[in-house]
Amino acid sequence: MPSPAGGLSLSVHYASKVIAASATFQTLVGEPTEDGALAHVYRWRLPDPASGGAYTLAELQSYRPYALVAPSPEGAYRRSRDAEASFDSGGAIAVRIIRDLPSSGTDAEKDVAWDDIVSKIIDEIVSPSIVNAAGYLAVETVSIDYGPYRNDEDDIADEGIIQGVDLTLTW
């Protein structure tokens, strides 16, 4: 992968590192380290399907759980000048986190567990130990844009049953 150098590509890179630094995300993806968890964070989209056509259910399940990180469609990057002619940067990064629905437990237990996972990830990615460290996105706010959710019944045959959440990180 090319090394990010510009403000937009660096912000996506640093946001990916913030997600991977979350201990809860590391547990979710079964990786004990940030570097291991980073392998489950994808820029913009999953790798292309092996067939070149549509993903198979097995391919999708092999990637899960994962996070997709991309510039937000609204306000992805900005540079502004202050009164002293220095510049400030900021923007918004979209994050989608997806997992397979666990096979054990009641629907209510599965949903509460997912809500708790999402809450812990959010708490961890705004923790001062992460956002104040060099090489990580200085996240100011996290908002849930959609979810937590399950996919539509019409999509289950192709995708399996998933739980997800769509977040926006502003910096």
Protein backbone atom coordinates (compact mmCIF):
# COMPACT_ATOMS: atom_id res chain seq x y z
CA MET A 1 0.00 0.00 0.00
CA PRO A 2 1.33 3.47 -0.80
CA SER A 3 2.38 5.66 2.11
CA PRO A 4 -0.12 8.44 2.84
CA ALA A 5 1.38 11.92 2.57
CA GLY A 6 -1.43 14.47 2.08
CA GLY A 7 -3.88 15.73 4.65
CA LEU A 8 -6.81 13.64 3.41
CA SER A 9 -4.93 10.36 3.04
CA LEU A 10 -3.17 10.88 6.38
CA SER A 11 -6.48 11.52 8.15
CA VAL A 12 -7.89 8.21 6.86
CA HIS A 13 -4.65 6.44 7.86
CA TYR A 14 -4.68 7.95 11.36
CA ALA A 15 -8.39 7.14 11.78
CA SER A 16 -7.64 3.52 10.86
CA LYS A 17 -4.99 3.44 13.57
CA VAL A 18 -7.42 4.91 16.12
CA ILE A 19 -9.93 2.12 15.41
CA ALA A 20 -7.22 -0.55 15.60
CA ALA A 21 -5.95 0.90 18.91
CA SER A 22 -9.31 0.21 20.57
CA ALA A 23 -8.92 -2.78 22.90
CA THR A 24 -12.59 -3.64 22.27
CA PHE A 25 -12.07 -3.63 18.50
CA GLN A 26 -8.98 -5.82 18.97
CA THR A 27 -11.09 -8.29 20.98
CA LEU A 28 -13.87 -8.14 18.37
CA VAL A 29 -11.49 -9.09 15.54
CA GLY A 30 -9.58 -11.61 17.65
CA GLU A 31 -6.25 -9.79 17.48
CA PRO A 32 -4.28 -8.97 20.63
CA THR A 33 -2.35 -6.05 19.12
CA GLU A 34 -3.02 -2.86 17.24
CA ASP A 35 -0.98 -4.09 14.26
CA GLY A 36 -3.01 -7.29 14.13
CA ALA A 37 -6.30 -5.39 14.39
CA LEU A 38 -5.18 -2.99 11.65
CA ALA A 39 -5.35 -5.93 9.22
CA HIS A 40 -9.15 -5.86 9.79
CA VAL A 41 -9.48 -2.15 8.94
CA TYR A 42 -9.96 -1.43 5.25
CA ARG A 43 -9.68 1.87 3.39
CA TRP A 44 -12.86 2.70 1.51
CA ARG A 45 -13.94 -0.87 0.71
CA LEU A 46 -13.13 -4.54 1.07
CA PRO A 47 -10.62 -6.05 -1.36
CA ASP A 48 -12.12 -7.00 -4.71
CA PRO A 49 -13.92 -10.36 -4.87
CA ALA A 50 -11.71 -13.25 -5.97
CA SER A 51 -13.99 -14.01 -8.92
CA GLY A 52 -13.96 -10.42 -10.17
CA GLY A 53 -17.76 -10.49 -9.91
CA ALA A 54 -19.85 -10.45 -6.76
CA TYR A 55 -18.62 -11.55 -3.34
CA THR A 56 -19.56 -15.01 -2.23
CA LEU A 57 -21.07 -15.45 1.22
CA ALA A 58 -17.92 -17.31 2.27
CA GLU A 59 -15.70 -14.40 1.14
CA LEU A 60 -17.74 -11.87 3.09
CA GLN A 61 -17.72 -14.04 6.19
CA SER A 62 -13.94 -14.48 5.91
CA TYR A 63 -13.45 -10.70 6.21
CA ARG A 64 -15.76 -10.25 9.20
CA PRO A 65 -15.53 -8.67 11.63
CA TYR A 66 -14.01 -5.57 10.04
CA ALA A 67 -14.09 -1.79 9.82
CA LEU A 68 -14.26 0.31 6.67
CA VAL A 69 -12.70 3.77 6.95
CA ALA A 70 -13.13 6.52 4.34
CA PRO A 71 -13.46 10.27 4.04
CA SER A 72 -16.96 11.32 5.00
CA PRO A 73 -19.13 12.35 2.05
CA GLU A 74 -19.78 15.63 3.89
CA GLY A 75 -16.93 17.73 5.21
CA ALA A 76 -14.16 15.20 4.66
CA TYR A 77 -11.29 17.70 4.83
CA ARG A 78 -10.83 21.39 5.37
CA ARG A 79 -7.96 23.83 5.74
CA SER A 80 -8.68 27.20 7.26
CA ARG A 81 -6.53 30.21 7.99
CA ASP A 82 -6.73 31.96 11.31
CA ALA A 83 -6.12 35.65 12.01
CA GLU A 84 -2.39 35.06 12.36
CA ALA A 85 -2.10 33.50 8.87
CA SER A 86 -1.41 30.02 10.19
CA PHE A 87 -3.49 27.11 9.01
CA ASP A 88 -5.71 24.65 10.80
CA SER A 89 -6.94 21.35 9.38
CA GLY A 90 -9.99 19.32 10.23
CA GLY A 91 -12.62 17.11 8.73
CA ALA A 92 -14.77 14.05 9.10
CA ILE A 93 -14.10 10.35 8.58
CA ALA A 94 -16.81 7.75 8.01
CA VAL A 95 -16.37 4.40 9.77
CA ARG A 96 -18.52 1.31 9.29
CA ILE A 97 -18.00 -1.62 11.67
CA ILE A 98 -19.54 -4.98 10.72
CA ARG A 99 -19.65 -8.37 12.40
CA ASP A 100 -21.49 -11.65 11.89
CA LEU A 101 -24.47 -12.09 14.19
CA PRO A 102 -23.38 -14.46 16.98
CA SER A 103 -25.05 -17.87 16.89
CA SER A 104 -25.70 -18.14 20.63
CA GLY A 105 -27.99 -16.07 22.85
CA THR A 106 -31.39 -14.53 22.43
CA ASP A 107 -31.96 -11.71 19.95
CA ALA A 108 -32.12 -9.25 22.84
CA GLU A 109 -28.82 -10.54 24.29
CA LYS A 110 -27.12 -10.27 20.90
CA ASP A 111 -28.38 -6.72 20.37
CA VAL A 112 -27.41 -5.54 23.86
CA ALA A 113 -23.97 -7.12 23.47
CA TRP A 114 -23.49 -5.30 20.12
CA ASP A 115 -24.65 -1.99 21.64
CA ASP A 116 -22.11 -2.48 24.45
CA ILE A 117 -19.30 -3.26 21.99
CA VAL A 118 -20.11 -0.16 19.94
CA SER A 119 -20.24 2.01 23.09
CA LYS A 120 -16.87 0.72 24.31
CA ILE A 121 -15.21 1.29 20.93
CA ILE A 122 -16.52 4.87 20.89
CA ASP A 123 -15.30 5.46 24.45
CA GLU A 124 -11.86 4.09 23.62
CA ILE A 125 -11.32 6.01 20.39
CA VAL A 126 -11.89 9.33 22.14
CA SER A 127 -9.67 8.41 25.08
CA PRO A 128 -6.88 10.95 25.67
CA SER A 129 -4.26 8.19 25.59
CA ILE A 130 -5.14 7.57 21.94
CA VAL A 131 -6.25 10.92 20.51
CA ASN A 132 -3.39 12.87 22.08
CA ALA A 133 -0.71 10.48 20.80
CA ALA A 134 1.34 11.17 17.69
CA GLY A 135 0.31 9.11 14.67
CA TYR A 136 -3.38 8.92 15.59
CA LEU A 137 -6.33 11.03 14.47
CA ALA A 138 -7.10 13.73 17.05
CA VAL A 139 -10.79 12.78 17.27
CA GLU A 140 -12.97 15.58 18.65
CA THR A 141 -16.39 13.93 18.37
CA VAL A 142 -17.85 10.57 17.43
CA SER A 143 -21.45 10.28 16.29
CA ILE A 144 -23.52 7.28 15.30
CA ASP A 145 -24.99 8.06 11.90
CA TYR A 146 -26.86 4.80 11.43
CA GLY A 147 -27.44 1.91 13.74
CA PRO A 148 -26.60 -0.16 15.49
CA TYR A 149 -28.43 -2.33 12.94
CA ARG A 150 -28.88 -5.72 11.35
CA ASN A 151 -29.03 -6.15 7.61
CA ASP A 152 -32.35 -6.54 5.79
CA GLU A 153 -33.92 -9.96 5.48
CA ASP A 154 -33.69 -9.64 1.67
CA ASP A 155 -29.89 -9.53 1.96
CA ILE A 156 -29.39 -12.49 4.31
CA ALA A 157 -29.03 -15.14 1.58
CA ASP A 158 -26.14 -13.20 -0.04
CA GLU A 159 -24.54 -11.64 3.04
CA GLY A 160 -25.44 -13.80 6.03
CA ILE A 161 -26.83 -12.09 9.11
CA ILE A 162 -24.73 -9.14 10.20
CA GLN A 163 -24.74 -6.43 12.82
CA GLY A 164 -23.25 -3.07 11.99
CA VAL A 165 -22.90 0.56 12.92
CA ASP A 166 -21.95 3.64 10.90
CA LEU A 167 -19.94 6.30 12.72
CA THR A 168 -18.53 9.71 11.89
CA LEU A 169 -15.30 10.83 13.52
CA THR A 170 -14.65 14.57 13.39
CA TRP A 171 -11.21 16.01 13.97
